[in-house]
Amino acid sequence: MRFVLTAESVPMFRFAALQSDTGAALLQRSGRMTNDFSSVLLVTADECYDRSRAVLRIAACLRQPLPALAAVAWALPERLRDWLYDGLAERRLQVFGSAPACLLSQPKWRDRFLD
């Protein structure tokens, strides 16, 4: 979330913890089990995307060079993209580090989180 919040040129994404009531409602609306916290989800008015499909759709909306990289990555087979996503997801703390404070505690981003 921190990466997306800082890489957006125009604020467009809102976030919900999948463990929250809002998250559970989004999971259910997307046809997922309400205890399925296994992946990042991008929920739009029309569709729900997970794993590499979600990440690439998000990246396409961020500052350059991320949209260009996402366009190239779409050419990879989805199975390979998801394998790469799973590997990065397992090591995300090693790659991105952990946040020193909860993002909700920062006033500039508080309105970006759904209850």
Protein backbone atom coordinates (compact mmCIF):
# COMPACT_ATOMS: atom_id res chain seq x y z
CA MET A 1 0.00 0.00 0.00
CA ARG A 2 2.77 2.41 0.90
CA PHE A 3 4.37 1.82 -2.50
CA VAL A 4 1.12 2.53 -4.34
CA LEU A 5 0.34 5.59 -2.23
CA THR A 6 3.72 7.12 -2.97
CA ALA A 7 3.81 6.10 -6.66
CA GLU A 8 0.42 7.50 -7.64
CA SER A 9 0.56 10.69 -9.66
CA VAL A 10 -3.15 11.27 -8.95
CA PRO A 11 -4.84 9.61 -5.95
CA MET A 12 -7.12 6.94 -7.35
CA PHE A 13 -6.91 3.83 -5.17
CA ARG A 14 -8.59 3.19 -1.85
CA PHE A 15 -7.63 0.38 0.47
CA ALA A 16 -9.35 -2.02 2.84
CA ALA A 17 -7.90 -4.71 5.07
CA LEU A 18 -9.29 -8.03 3.87
CA GLN A 19 -9.87 -8.94 7.53
CA SER A 20 -12.22 -5.95 8.02
CA ASP A 21 -15.99 -5.95 7.48
CA THR A 22 -15.47 -3.91 4.30
CA GLY A 23 -12.81 -6.37 3.13
CA ALA A 24 -15.09 -9.31 3.84
CA ALA A 25 -17.87 -7.66 1.84
CA LEU A 26 -15.50 -7.06 -1.09
CA LEU A 27 -14.27 -10.66 -0.94
CA GLN A 28 -17.84 -11.93 -0.93
CA ARG A 29 -18.84 -9.60 -3.79
CA SER A 30 -15.87 -10.97 -5.74
CA GLY A 31 -16.95 -14.57 -5.22
CA ARG A 32 -14.18 -15.38 -2.74
CA MET A 33 -14.28 -16.92 0.69
CA THR A 34 -14.35 -14.23 3.39
CA ASN A 35 -11.30 -15.80 5.01
CA ASP A 36 -9.21 -15.83 1.80
CA PHE A 37 -6.40 -13.37 2.55
CA SER A 38 -3.97 -15.04 0.16
CA SER A 39 -3.55 -12.28 -2.42
CA VAL A 40 -3.80 -8.64 -3.28
CA LEU A 41 -7.18 -7.85 -4.81
CA LEU A 42 -8.17 -5.00 -7.06
CA VAL A 43 -11.93 -4.57 -7.06
CA THR A 44 -13.49 -2.29 -9.65
CA ALA A 45 -17.13 -1.62 -10.41
CA ASP A 46 -17.10 -4.43 -12.98
CA GLU A 47 -14.41 -6.93 -12.05
CA CYS A 48 -12.14 -8.38 -9.40
CA TYR A 49 -8.48 -9.00 -10.17
CA ASP A 50 -5.97 -10.88 -8.05
CA ARG A 51 -2.27 -11.72 -7.99
CA SER A 52 -0.37 -10.58 -11.07
CA ARG A 53 -3.47 -9.30 -12.85
CA ALA A 54 -4.17 -6.94 -9.93
CA VAL A 55 -0.57 -5.80 -9.62
CA LEU A 56 -0.21 -5.09 -13.34
CA ARG A 57 -3.51 -3.19 -13.50
CA ILE A 58 -2.43 -1.10 -10.52
CA ALA A 59 1.06 -0.52 -11.96
CA ALA A 60 -0.49 0.71 -15.20
CA CYS A 61 -2.05 3.59 -13.23
CA LEU A 62 1.11 4.70 -11.41
CA ARG A 63 3.97 7.00 -12.42
CA GLN A 64 6.41 6.00 -15.14
CA PRO A 65 8.20 3.70 -15.66
CA LEU A 66 5.67 1.40 -13.98
CA PRO A 67 3.03 1.54 -16.76
CA ALA A 68 5.69 0.70 -19.34
CA LEU A 69 6.99 -2.19 -17.23
CA ALA A 70 3.45 -3.46 -16.72
CA ALA A 71 2.83 -3.37 -20.47
CA VAL A 72 5.90 -5.54 -21.04
CA ALA A 73 4.97 -7.92 -18.21
CA TRP A 74 1.50 -8.55 -19.71
CA ALA A 75 3.29 -10.42 -22.51
CA LEU A 76 4.42 -13.10 -20.03
CA PRO A 77 2.15 -16.11 -19.53
CA GLU A 78 -0.19 -15.60 -16.58
CA ARG A 79 1.10 -18.74 -14.90
CA LEU A 80 4.66 -17.35 -14.91
CA ARG A 81 3.47 -13.92 -13.76
CA ASP A 82 1.56 -15.46 -10.85
CA TRP A 83 4.58 -17.59 -9.91
CA LEU A 84 6.72 -14.44 -9.82
CA TYR A 85 4.02 -12.63 -7.84
CA ASP A 86 3.84 -15.46 -5.29
CA GLY A 87 7.62 -15.44 -4.85
CA LEU A 88 7.71 -11.69 -4.30
CA ALA A 89 4.70 -11.82 -1.97
CA GLU A 90 6.51 -14.34 0.22
CA ARG A 91 9.54 -12.04 0.42
CA ARG A 92 7.82 -8.66 0.46
CA LEU A 93 9.17 -7.65 3.86
CA GLN A 94 12.71 -8.45 2.75
CA VAL A 95 12.25 -6.53 -0.52
CA PHE A 96 10.18 -3.55 0.65
CA GLY A 97 10.81 -3.57 4.40
CA SER A 98 8.20 -3.02 7.07
CA ALA A 99 6.47 0.23 7.82
CA PRO A 100 7.59 2.03 10.98
CA ALA A 101 3.99 3.13 11.65
CA CYS A 102 0.50 2.21 10.55
CA LEU A 103 -0.48 4.13 7.42
CA LEU A 104 -3.85 4.94 8.99
CA SER A 105 -2.05 7.02 11.61
CA GLN A 106 -0.77 9.38 8.91
CA PRO A 107 -3.37 12.12 8.29
CA LYS A 108 -2.40 12.61 4.63
CA TRP A 109 -3.53 9.07 3.81
CA ARG A 110 -6.28 8.43 6.33
CA ASP A 111 -9.08 9.16 3.83
CA ARG A 112 -7.66 6.57 1.42
CA PHE A 113 -8.68 3.67 3.67
CA LEU A 114 -12.16 2.19 3.77
CA ASP A 115 -13.60 1.33 7.18
